[in-house]
Amino acid sequence: MKRFFLTLLLPLSLFGQDQDLAQRIAAFQTDMQETFKVKTLNIGGESLGALEKESPDFRTDFKLEGLEKQKDNLDRNVKYDVYVHVFQFADIEELNWVMKRWLPNFMDGASIRPGRDKKTIDHVDPTVVVIDAATISVLTLPCPQFSVESFRDWRSKMLTYFGSPTSVIIEVAGCEGPLMWTKNPPDSKDRTWR
């Protein structure tokens, strides 16, 4: 009976998720397993604003928790945490509607405008957002664990696993900013995401 239940449960959990995205997530997690373990329960992390209230076709949230302790910027010996959230919507049209609602109530309630950089964005941790086709992937790092080198490395990994040449990238490249549209920014006059 237990095997039958698990056999039914596994396909239901993948319902709505295309095979390519499942492979990207699995490859990303596998690549990180030498230095991080994947946690899926009680993960916490940054508030994603209005994006958390959406109803995507598929959503996964996980935390990568460091296997070894390291010194952070506050001189504490801690296991580093990285939070990843992946949302897949039905199509580009639905994603455009989601972006219209998300940007005015971005992370931790901050408001941003399409294609416009901001010098500061209060209370927002270092973040990489990859918008590709109908998928939004968000990676956040706790502020005390930020370093420019590791942030660039995480940006590169997110683009490798969740991006494409046409992806839009939004970065909060430090603690509370700056926020930059670093790849394929939308035209600030375009009303699609406003």
N, C-alpha and C. Protein backbone atom coordinates (compact mmCIF):
# COMPACT_ATOMS: atom_id res chain seq x y z
N MET A 1 0.82 -1.20 0.00
CA MET A 1 0.00 0.00 0.00
C MET A 1 0.86 1.26 0.00
N LYS A 2 1.95 1.26 0.81
CA LYS A 2 2.81 2.43 0.88
C LYS A 2 3.46 2.72 -0.46
N ARG A 3 3.92 1.69 -1.16
CA ARG A 3 4.54 1.90 -2.48
C ARG A 3 3.55 2.50 -3.45
N PHE A 4 2.32 2.02 -3.42
CA PHE A 4 1.29 2.54 -4.32
C PHE A 4 1.05 4.02 -4.06
N PHE A 5 0.97 4.41 -2.78
CA PHE A 5 0.75 5.80 -2.42
C PHE A 5 1.90 6.69 -2.89
N LEU A 6 3.15 6.24 -2.66
CA LEU A 6 4.31 7.01 -3.10
C LEU A 6 4.37 7.12 -4.62
N THR A 7 3.97 6.06 -5.32
CA THR A 7 3.95 6.09 -6.77
C THR A 7 2.95 7.13 -7.27
N LEU A 8 1.81 7.26 -6.61
CA LEU A 8 0.84 8.28 -6.99
C LEU A 8 1.30 9.68 -6.60
N LEU A 9 1.95 9.80 -5.45
CA LEU A 9 2.35 11.10 -4.94
C LEU A 9 3.43 11.76 -5.79
N LEU A 10 4.41 11.00 -6.24
CA LEU A 10 5.51 11.56 -7.02
C LEU A 10 5.04 12.24 -8.30
N PRO A 11 4.23 11.61 -9.15
CA PRO A 11 3.77 12.30 -10.34
C PRO A 11 2.90 13.52 -10.02
N LEU A 12 2.13 13.49 -8.94
CA LEU A 12 1.31 14.64 -8.59
C LEU A 12 2.18 15.84 -8.21
N SER A 13 3.33 15.59 -7.57
CA SER A 13 4.19 16.70 -7.18
C SER A 13 4.85 17.35 -8.39
N LEU A 14 4.98 16.62 -9.48
CA LEU A 14 5.59 17.17 -10.69
C LEU A 14 4.56 17.72 -11.67
N PHE A 15 3.28 17.60 -11.33
CA PHE A 15 2.23 18.08 -12.21
C PHE A 15 2.39 19.58 -12.42
N GLY A 16 2.36 20.02 -13.65
CA GLY A 16 2.47 21.44 -13.96
C GLY A 16 3.90 21.90 -14.14
N GLN A 17 4.87 21.06 -13.83
CA GLN A 17 6.27 21.41 -13.98
C GLN A 17 6.80 20.76 -15.24
N ASP A 18 7.35 21.55 -16.16
CA ASP A 18 7.87 20.90 -17.36
C ASP A 18 9.18 20.19 -17.05
N GLN A 19 9.50 19.23 -17.88
CA GLN A 19 10.66 18.37 -17.65
C GLN A 19 11.97 19.16 -17.65
N ASP A 20 12.09 20.17 -18.51
CA ASP A 20 13.30 20.97 -18.58
C ASP A 20 13.56 21.67 -17.25
N LEU A 21 12.53 22.27 -16.66
CA LEU A 21 12.70 22.96 -15.38
C LEU A 21 13.07 21.97 -14.28
N ALA A 22 12.45 20.80 -14.27
CA ALA A 22 12.77 19.77 -13.27
C ALA A 22 14.25 19.38 -13.38
N GLN A 23 14.74 19.24 -14.60
CA GLN A 23 16.14 18.88 -14.80
C GLN A 23 17.08 20.00 -14.36
N ARG A 24 16.68 21.26 -14.61
CA ARG A 24 17.51 22.40 -14.21
C ARG A 24 17.63 22.47 -12.68
N ILE A 25 16.50 22.30 -12.00
CA ILE A 25 16.50 22.34 -10.53
C ILE A 25 17.35 21.20 -9.97
N ALA A 26 17.17 20.01 -10.49
CA ALA A 26 17.94 18.85 -10.02
C ALA A 26 19.43 19.04 -10.27
N ALA A 27 19.80 19.57 -11.44
CA ALA A 27 21.20 19.79 -11.76
C ALA A 27 21.81 20.85 -10.84
N PHE A 28 21.07 21.91 -10.58
CA PHE A 28 21.53 22.97 -9.67
C PHE A 28 21.79 22.41 -8.28
N GLN A 29 20.84 21.64 -7.76
CA GLN A 29 20.99 21.06 -6.42
C GLN A 29 22.15 20.06 -6.38
N THR A 30 22.30 19.27 -7.43
CA THR A 30 23.38 18.29 -7.49
C THR A 30 24.73 18.99 -7.52
N ASP A 31 24.83 20.08 -8.28
CA ASP A 31 26.09 20.83 -8.37
C ASP A 31 26.50 21.41 -7.02
N MET A 32 25.54 21.69 -6.17
CA MET A 32 25.83 22.31 -4.87
C MET A 32 26.09 21.31 -3.75
N GLN A 33 25.84 20.01 -3.98
CA GLN A 33 25.84 19.04 -2.89
C GLN A 33 27.19 18.81 -2.22
N GLU A 34 28.30 19.22 -2.83
CA GLU A 34 29.60 19.05 -2.19
C GLU A 34 29.80 20.03 -1.03
N THR A 35 29.14 21.19 -1.10
CA THR A 35 29.34 22.20 -0.06
C THR A 35 28.05 22.59 0.67
N PHE A 36 26.89 22.16 0.13
CA PHE A 36 25.60 22.52 0.74
C PHE A 36 24.69 21.30 0.79
N LYS A 37 23.80 21.31 1.78
CA LYS A 37 22.73 20.31 1.77
C LYS A 37 21.43 21.05 1.49
N VAL A 38 20.51 20.38 0.83
CA VAL A 38 19.24 20.97 0.44
C VAL A 38 18.21 20.73 1.53
N LYS A 39 17.56 21.82 1.96
CA LYS A 39 16.48 21.71 2.94
C LYS A 39 15.21 22.28 2.31
N THR A 40 14.09 21.62 2.56
CA THR A 40 12.83 22.06 1.97
C THR A 40 11.76 22.41 3.01
N LEU A 41 12.04 22.19 4.28
CA LEU A 41 11.06 22.49 5.32
C LEU A 41 11.58 23.61 6.22
N ASN A 42 10.66 24.49 6.64
CA ASN A 42 11.00 25.59 7.55
C ASN A 42 12.23 26.36 7.09
N ILE A 43 12.20 26.82 5.84
CA ILE A 43 13.40 27.41 5.28
C ILE A 43 13.57 28.90 5.57
N GLY A 44 12.49 29.65 5.79
CA GLY A 44 12.61 31.08 6.08
C GLY A 44 13.11 31.86 4.89
N GLY A 45 13.89 32.90 5.15
CA GLY A 45 14.46 33.72 4.08
C GLY A 45 13.71 35.02 3.89
N GLU A 46 14.09 35.74 2.88
CA GLU A 46 13.56 37.06 2.53
C GLU A 46 12.08 36.99 2.12
N SER A 47 11.32 38.01 2.47
CA SER A 47 9.93 38.13 2.01
C SER A 47 9.93 38.51 0.53
N LEU A 48 9.21 37.77 -0.28
CA LEU A 48 9.18 38.02 -1.72
C LEU A 48 8.05 38.94 -2.14
N GLY A 49 7.39 39.58 -1.19
CA GLY A 49 6.33 40.52 -1.52
C GLY A 49 5.14 39.86 -2.20
N ALA A 50 4.58 40.55 -3.19
CA ALA A 50 3.37 40.08 -3.88
C ALA A 50 3.57 38.76 -4.61
N LEU A 51 4.80 38.41 -4.94
CA LEU A 51 5.07 37.15 -5.64
C LEU A 51 4.61 35.95 -4.82
N GLU A 52 4.68 36.05 -3.49
CA GLU A 52 4.26 34.95 -2.63
C GLU A 52 2.75 34.71 -2.65
N LYS A 53 1.99 35.70 -3.10
CA LYS A 53 0.54 35.56 -3.13
C LYS A 53 0.01 35.02 -4.46
N GLU A 54 0.92 34.83 -5.42
CA GLU A 54 0.52 34.35 -6.74
C GLU A 54 0.24 32.84 -6.71
N SER A 55 -0.44 32.38 -7.76
CA SER A 55 -0.76 30.95 -7.89
C SER A 55 -0.11 30.39 -9.15
N PRO A 56 1.18 30.08 -9.08
CA PRO A 56 1.86 29.56 -10.26
C PRO A 56 1.43 28.13 -10.57
N ASP A 57 1.73 27.69 -11.76
CA ASP A 57 1.48 26.29 -12.12
C ASP A 57 2.40 25.38 -11.31
N PHE A 58 3.59 25.88 -11.01
CA PHE A 58 4.55 25.12 -10.22
C PHE A 58 5.35 26.09 -9.36
N ARG A 59 5.66 25.67 -8.13
CA ARG A 59 6.51 26.46 -7.24
C ARG A 59 7.33 25.51 -6.39
N THR A 60 8.59 25.84 -6.22
CA THR A 60 9.43 25.12 -5.27
C THR A 60 10.28 26.13 -4.51
N ASP A 61 10.47 25.85 -3.23
CA ASP A 61 11.30 26.67 -2.36
C ASP A 61 12.26 25.74 -1.64
N PHE A 62 13.53 26.12 -1.62
CA PHE A 62 14.48 25.33 -0.86
C PHE A 62 15.62 26.21 -0.36
N LYS A 63 16.28 25.70 0.65
CA LYS A 63 17.43 26.40 1.22
C LYS A 63 18.64 25.51 1.04
N LEU A 64 19.73 26.12 0.63
CA LEU A 64 21.02 25.44 0.60
C LEU A 64 21.74 25.84 1.89
N GLU A 65 22.01 24.87 2.74
CA GLU A 65 22.67 25.13 4.01
C GLU A 65 24.09 24.59 3.95
N GLY A 66 25.06 25.43 4.23
CA GLY A 66 26.46 25.04 4.17
C GLY A 66 26.76 23.85 5.06
N LEU A 67 27.63 22.99 4.58
CA LEU A 67 28.01 21.82 5.37
C LEU A 67 29.03 22.18 6.44
N GLU A 68 29.84 23.21 6.18
CA GLU A 68 30.85 23.63 7.14
C GLU A 68 30.62 25.08 7.54
N LYS A 69 31.03 25.41 8.74
CA LYS A 69 30.89 26.78 9.23
C LYS A 69 32.00 27.67 8.67
N GLN A 70 31.62 28.95 8.46
CA GLN A 70 32.56 29.95 7.97
C GLN A 70 32.31 31.25 8.73
N LYS A 71 33.29 32.13 8.73
CA LYS A 71 33.11 33.45 9.35
C LYS A 71 32.28 34.32 8.43
N ASP A 72 31.27 35.00 9.00
CA ASP A 72 30.48 35.94 8.21
C ASP A 72 31.00 37.36 8.44
N ASN A 73 30.31 38.35 7.91
CA ASN A 73 30.74 39.75 8.02
C ASN A 73 30.64 40.30 9.43
N LEU A 74 29.93 39.60 10.31
CA LEU A 74 29.81 40.02 11.71
C LEU A 74 30.78 39.24 12.60
N ASP A 75 31.72 38.53 11.95
CA ASP A 75 32.74 37.74 12.63
C ASP A 75 32.15 36.59 13.46
N ARG A 76 31.02 36.06 12.98
CA ARG A 76 30.41 34.89 13.63
C ARG A 76 30.76 33.66 12.81
N ASN A 77 30.87 32.54 13.46
CA ASN A 77 31.14 31.28 12.79
C ASN A 77 29.80 30.60 12.51
N VAL A 78 29.32 30.65 11.26
CA VAL A 78 27.98 30.16 10.92
C VAL A 78 28.01 29.30 9.66
N LYS A 79 26.97 28.49 9.51
CA LYS A 79 26.77 27.77 8.25
C LYS A 79 26.06 28.73 7.30
N TYR A 80 26.63 28.95 6.13
CA TYR A 80 26.05 29.87 5.16
C TYR A 80 24.74 29.31 4.61
N ASP A 81 23.77 30.20 4.40
CA ASP A 81 22.47 29.83 3.85
C ASP A 81 22.24 30.56 2.53
N VAL A 82 21.64 29.87 1.59
CA VAL A 82 21.23 30.45 0.32
C VAL A 82 19.79 30.00 0.09
N TYR A 83 18.90 30.95 -0.19
CA TYR A 83 17.49 30.64 -0.37
C TYR A 83 17.13 30.73 -1.85
N VAL A 84 16.45 29.71 -2.36
CA VAL A 84 16.08 29.68 -3.77
C VAL A 84 14.58 29.41 -3.89
N HIS A 85 13.92 30.21 -4.74
CA HIS A 85 12.48 30.06 -5.00
C HIS A 85 12.30 30.06 -6.52
N VAL A 86 11.56 29.07 -7.01
CA VAL A 86 11.32 28.97 -8.45
C VAL A 86 9.82 28.92 -8.68
N PHE A 87 9.33 29.82 -9.55
CA PHE A 87 7.91 29.91 -9.89
C PHE A 87 7.78 29.71 -11.40
N GLN A 88 6.88 28.83 -11.79
CA GLN A 88 6.62 28.65 -13.22
C GLN A 88 5.14 28.93 -13.47
N PHE A 89 4.88 29.80 -14.44
CA PHE A 89 3.52 30.19 -14.78
C PHE A 89 3.11 29.57 -16.10
N ALA A 90 1.82 29.63 -16.41
CA ALA A 90 1.27 28.95 -17.58
C ALA A 90 1.90 29.44 -18.89
N ASP A 91 2.09 30.74 -19.00
CA ASP A 91 2.63 31.30 -20.23
C ASP A 91 3.17 32.71 -19.98
N ILE A 92 3.71 33.32 -21.01
CA ILE A 92 4.29 34.66 -20.90
C ILE A 92 3.24 35.69 -20.49
N GLU A 93 2.04 35.54 -21.01
CA GLU A 93 0.98 36.49 -20.67
C GLU A 93 0.69 36.49 -19.17
N GLU A 94 0.60 35.31 -18.59
CA GLU A 94 0.37 35.23 -17.14
C GLU A 94 1.56 35.81 -16.37
N LEU A 95 2.77 35.52 -16.84
CA LEU A 95 3.96 36.07 -16.18
C LEU A 95 3.93 37.60 -16.23
N ASN A 96 3.52 38.19 -17.33
CA ASN A 96 3.44 39.65 -17.44
C ASN A 96 2.47 40.23 -16.41
N TRP A 97 1.34 39.58 -16.18
CA TRP A 97 0.39 40.04 -15.17
C TRP A 97 0.99 39.92 -13.77
N VAL A 98 1.72 38.83 -13.53
CA VAL A 98 2.38 38.65 -12.24
C VAL A 98 3.40 39.76 -12.01
N MET A 99 4.17 40.09 -13.03
CA MET A 99 5.18 41.14 -12.89
C MET A 99 4.52 42.50 -12.61
N LYS A 100 3.37 42.75 -13.20
CA LYS A 100 2.65 44.01 -12.93
C LYS A 100 2.29 44.12 -11.45
N ARG A 101 1.96 43.01 -10.83
CA ARG A 101 1.59 43.03 -9.41
C ARG A 101 2.82 42.97 -8.50
N TRP A 102 3.88 42.29 -8.97
CA TRP A 102 5.04 42.09 -8.12
C TRP A 102 5.92 43.33 -7.99
N LEU A 103 6.19 44.02 -9.08
CA LEU A 103 7.13 45.14 -9.02
C LEU A 103 6.70 46.26 -8.07
N PRO A 104 5.41 46.63 -7.98
CA PRO A 104 5.02 47.64 -6.99
C PRO A 104 5.10 47.14 -5.54
N ASN A 105 5.08 45.82 -5.35
CA ASN A 105 5.20 45.22 -4.02
C ASN A 105 6.28 44.15 -4.10
N PHE A 106 7.49 44.62 -4.40
CA PHE A 106 8.64 43.76 -4.60
C PHE A 106 9.06 43.16 -3.27
N MET A 107 10.26 42.78 -3.13
CA MET A 107 10.74 42.11 -1.94
C MET A 107 10.65 43.03 -0.72
N ASP A 108 10.17 42.46 0.36
CA ASP A 108 10.01 43.17 1.64
C ASP A 108 9.21 44.46 1.47
N GLY A 109 8.28 44.48 0.52
CA GLY A 109 7.38 45.61 0.33
C GLY A 109 7.95 46.78 -0.45
N ALA A 110 9.19 46.68 -0.92
CA ALA A 110 9.78 47.77 -1.71
C ALA A 110 9.09 47.86 -3.07
N SER A 111 9.11 49.05 -3.65
CA SER A 111 8.52 49.27 -4.96
C SER A 111 9.63 49.56 -5.96
N ILE A 112 9.60 48.87 -7.11
CA ILE A 112 10.57 49.15 -8.16
C ILE A 112 9.83 49.33 -9.47
N ARG A 113 10.52 49.92 -10.46
CA ARG A 113 9.92 50.16 -11.77
C ARG A 113 10.70 49.39 -12.82
N PRO A 114 10.01 48.89 -13.84
CA PRO A 114 10.67 48.10 -14.88
C PRO A 114 11.81 48.87 -15.54
N GLY A 115 12.99 48.24 -15.59
CA GLY A 115 14.12 48.81 -16.29
C GLY A 115 14.83 49.95 -15.58
N ARG A 116 14.39 50.32 -14.39
CA ARG A 116 14.99 51.45 -13.67
C ARG A 116 15.79 50.94 -12.46
N ASP A 117 17.05 51.30 -12.42
CA ASP A 117 17.91 50.94 -11.29
C ASP A 117 17.57 51.83 -10.09
N LYS A 118 17.94 51.35 -8.90
CA LYS A 118 17.78 52.12 -7.66
C LYS A 118 19.07 52.02 -6.86
N LYS A 119 19.50 53.13 -6.28
CA LYS A 119 20.72 53.13 -5.47
C LYS A 119 20.53 52.35 -4.18
N THR A 120 19.37 52.49 -3.57
CA THR A 120 19.09 51.75 -2.33
C THR A 120 17.70 51.15 -2.41
N ILE A 121 17.53 50.05 -1.73
CA ILE A 121 16.24 49.39 -1.64
C ILE A 121 16.15 48.83 -0.22
N ASP A 122 15.47 49.57 0.64
CA ASP A 122 15.47 49.31 2.08
C ASP A 122 15.06 47.88 2.44
N HIS A 123 15.81 47.31 3.37
CA HIS A 123 15.51 46.02 4.00
C HIS A 123 15.61 44.82 3.06
N VAL A 124 16.19 44.97 1.87
CA VAL A 124 16.26 43.86 0.93
C VAL A 124 17.67 43.28 0.94
N ASP A 125 17.76 41.97 1.12
CA ASP A 125 19.04 41.26 1.14
C ASP A 125 19.58 41.11 -0.28
N PRO A 126 20.87 40.77 -0.42
CA PRO A 126 21.43 40.51 -1.75
C PRO A 126 20.61 39.45 -2.48
N THR A 127 20.27 39.75 -3.73
CA THR A 127 19.31 38.93 -4.47
C THR A 127 19.68 38.85 -5.95
N VAL A 128 19.41 37.70 -6.54
CA VAL A 128 19.50 37.53 -7.99
C VAL A 128 18.15 37.00 -8.45
N VAL A 129 17.51 37.72 -9.38
CA VAL A 129 16.24 37.29 -9.95
C VAL A 129 16.47 37.01 -11.43
N VAL A 130 16.08 35.80 -11.87
CA VAL A 130 16.19 35.43 -13.28
C VAL A 130 14.78 35.21 -13.80
N ILE A 131 14.39 36.02 -14.79
CA ILE A 131 13.08 35.89 -15.42
C ILE A 131 13.32 35.33 -16.82
N ASP A 132 12.88 34.11 -17.04
CA ASP A 132 13.15 33.44 -18.31
C ASP A 132 11.88 32.74 -18.78
N ALA A 133 11.41 33.13 -19.97
CA ALA A 133 10.16 32.59 -20.52
C ALA A 133 9.06 32.83 -19.49
N ALA A 134 8.42 31.79 -18.97
CA ALA A 134 7.32 31.95 -18.01
C ALA A 134 7.76 31.56 -16.60
N THR A 135 9.07 31.65 -16.32
CA THR A 135 9.62 31.23 -15.04
C THR A 135 10.34 32.38 -14.35
N ILE A 136 10.12 32.49 -13.04
CA ILE A 136 10.85 33.45 -12.21
C ILE A 136 11.62 32.64 -11.18
N SER A 137 12.95 32.82 -11.15
CA SER A 137 13.80 32.16 -10.16
C SER A 137 14.47 33.23 -9.32
N VAL A 138 14.39 33.07 -8.00
CA VAL A 138 14.90 34.08 -7.08
C VAL A 138 15.89 33.41 -6.11
N LEU A 139 17.07 34.00 -5.99
CA LEU A 139 18.06 33.54 -5.03
C LEU A 139 18.37 34.70 -4.09
N THR A 140 18.33 34.45 -2.78
CA THR A 140 18.68 35.49 -1.81
C THR A 140 19.73 34.97 -0.84
N LEU A 141 20.56 35.89 -0.39
CA LEU A 141 21.61 35.60 0.58
C LEU A 141 21.39 36.48 1.80
N PRO A 142 21.59 35.97 3.02
CA PRO A 142 21.51 36.85 4.18
C PRO A 142 22.59 37.94 4.09
N CYS A 143 22.24 39.12 4.46
CA CYS A 143 23.15 40.27 4.36
C CYS A 143 24.51 40.03 5.04
N PRO A 144 24.56 39.46 6.25
CA PRO A 144 25.87 39.27 6.89
C PRO A 144 26.79 38.30 6.14
N GLN A 145 26.26 37.56 5.17
CA GLN A 145 27.07 36.59 4.44
C GLN A 145 27.47 37.09 3.05
N PHE A 146 27.20 38.35 2.76
CA PHE A 146 27.46 38.90 1.43
C PHE A 146 28.95 39.18 1.20
N SER A 147 29.43 38.77 0.05
CA SER A 147 30.73 39.21 -0.46
C SER A 147 30.57 39.35 -1.97
N VAL A 148 31.29 40.28 -2.56
CA VAL A 148 31.16 40.54 -4.00
C VAL A 148 31.51 39.29 -4.80
N GLU A 149 32.57 38.60 -4.41
CA GLU A 149 33.02 37.42 -5.16
C GLU A 149 31.97 36.31 -5.14
N SER A 150 31.44 36.01 -3.94
CA SER A 150 30.45 34.93 -3.87
C SER A 150 29.16 35.33 -4.58
N PHE A 151 28.80 36.62 -4.49
CA PHE A 151 27.59 37.08 -5.17
C PHE A 151 27.73 36.90 -6.68
N ARG A 152 28.87 37.25 -7.24
CA ARG A 152 29.09 37.06 -8.69
C ARG A 152 29.01 35.58 -9.06
N ASP A 153 29.55 34.73 -8.19
CA ASP A 153 29.49 33.30 -8.44
C ASP A 153 28.05 32.79 -8.44
N TRP A 154 27.24 33.24 -7.46
CA TRP A 154 25.84 32.83 -7.41
C TRP A 154 25.07 33.35 -8.63
N ARG A 155 25.36 34.58 -9.05
CA ARG A 155 24.70 35.14 -10.24
C ARG A 155 25.00 34.27 -11.45
N SER A 156 26.26 33.90 -11.60
CA SER A 156 26.66 33.05 -12.73
C SER A 156 25.96 31.70 -12.69
N LYS A 157 25.85 31.11 -11.50
CA LYS A 157 25.18 29.81 -11.38
C LYS A 157 23.69 29.93 -11.69
N MET A 158 23.06 30.98 -11.21
CA MET A 158 21.62 31.16 -11.49
C MET A 158 21.39 31.32 -12.98
N LEU A 159 22.24 32.09 -13.64
CA LEU A 159 22.09 32.29 -15.07
C LEU A 159 22.35 30.99 -15.84
N THR A 160 23.33 30.21 -15.38
CA THR A 160 23.64 28.94 -16.02
C THR A 160 22.47 27.96 -15.93
N TYR A 161 21.88 27.83 -14.73
CA TYR A 161 20.85 26.81 -14.53
C TYR A 161 19.44 27.28 -14.83
N PHE A 162 19.15 28.55 -14.66
CA PHE A 162 17.77 29.01 -14.80
C PHE A 162 17.59 30.06 -15.89
N GLY A 163 18.64 30.41 -16.58
CA GLY A 163 18.56 31.47 -17.58
C GLY A 163 18.78 31.00 -19.00
N SER A 164 18.75 31.97 -19.90
CA SER A 164 19.01 31.77 -21.31
C SER A 164 19.49 33.11 -21.86
N PRO A 165 19.87 33.19 -23.12
CA PRO A 165 20.31 34.48 -23.67
C PRO A 165 19.24 35.57 -23.60
N THR A 166 17.97 35.21 -23.51
CA THR A 166 16.91 36.21 -23.49
C THR A 166 16.40 36.53 -22.08
N SER A 167 17.01 35.94 -21.06
CA SER A 167 16.58 36.17 -19.68
C SER A 167 16.73 37.62 -19.27
N VAL A 168 15.83 38.04 -18.38
CA VAL A 168 15.95 39.34 -17.72
C VAL A 168 16.54 39.07 -16.34
N ILE A 169 17.57 39.82 -15.97
CA ILE A 169 18.21 39.64 -14.67
C ILE A 169 18.04 40.92 -13.85
N ILE A 170 17.57 40.75 -12.61
CA ILE A 170 17.50 41.83 -11.64
C ILE A 170 18.43 41.44 -10.50
N GLU A 171 19.30 42.36 -10.08
CA GLU A 171 20.21 42.09 -8.97
C GLU A 171 20.06 43.14 -7.89
N VAL A 172 20.06 42.69 -6.66
CA VAL A 172 20.28 43.58 -5.52
C VAL A 172 21.69 43.22 -5.08
N ALA A 173 22.66 44.01 -5.55
CA ALA A 173 24.07 43.65 -5.46
C ALA A 173 24.71 44.17 -4.17
N GLY A 174 24.10 43.88 -3.06
CA GLY A 174 24.62 44.28 -1.76
C GLY A 174 23.48 44.35 -0.77
N CYS A 175 23.82 44.71 0.44
CA CYS A 175 22.80 44.84 1.48
C CYS A 175 22.05 46.15 1.25
N GLU A 176 20.77 46.06 0.96
CA GLU A 176 19.89 47.20 0.68
C GLU A 176 20.28 47.95 -0.59
N GLY A 177 20.85 47.25 -1.54
CA GLY A 177 21.11 47.86 -2.83
C GLY A 177 22.58 47.92 -3.16
N PRO A 178 22.84 48.35 -4.36
CA PRO A 178 21.93 48.90 -5.35
C PRO A 178 21.14 47.81 -6.07
N LEU A 179 19.96 48.18 -6.58
CA LEU A 179 19.16 47.29 -7.42
C LEU A 179 19.45 47.67 -8.86
N MET A 180 19.80 46.65 -9.67
CA MET A 180 20.16 46.89 -11.07
C MET A 180 19.49 45.86 -11.97
N TRP A 181 19.04 46.33 -13.12
CA TRP A 181 18.55 45.45 -14.18
C TRP A 181 19.78 45.20 -15.05
N THR A 182 20.45 44.06 -14.85
CA THR A 182 21.77 43.87 -15.45
C THR A 182 21.77 43.12 -16.78
N LYS A 183 20.69 42.50 -17.15
CA LYS A 183 20.66 41.78 -18.42
C LYS A 183 19.27 41.91 -19.03
N ASN A 184 19.22 42.31 -20.28
CA ASN A 184 17.96 42.46 -21.03
C ASN A 184 16.90 43.25 -20.27
N PRO A 185 17.24 44.42 -19.75
CA PRO A 185 16.24 45.19 -19.01
C PRO A 185 15.10 45.63 -19.92
N PRO A 186 13.89 45.64 -19.40
CA PRO A 186 12.79 46.14 -20.23
C PRO A 186 12.93 47.65 -20.43
N ASP A 187 12.39 48.13 -21.51
CA ASP A 187 12.37 49.57 -21.76
C ASP A 187 11.51 50.21 -20.67
N SER A 188 12.05 51.24 -20.02
CA SER A 188 11.30 51.87 -18.91
C SER A 188 10.01 52.52 -19.39
N LYS A 189 9.87 52.75 -20.69
CA LYS A 189 8.63 53.33 -21.24
C LYS A 189 7.61 52.26 -21.63
N ASP A 190 8.05 51.00 -21.69
CA ASP A 190 7.17 49.90 -22.03
C ASP A 190 6.18 49.66 -20.90
N ARG A 191 4.90 49.55 -21.21
CA ARG A 191 3.86 49.42 -20.18
C ARG A 191 3.52 47.96 -19.84
N THR A 192 4.23 47.00 -20.42
CA THR A 192 3.92 45.58 -20.20
C THR A 192 3.92 45.19 -18.73
N TRP A 193 4.93 45.64 -17.97
CA TRP A 193 5.04 45.27 -16.57
C TRP A 193 4.63 46.41 -15.64
N ARG A 194 3.91 47.42 -16.18
CA ARG A 194 3.47 48.55 -15.33
C ARG A 194 1.98 48.58 -15.23
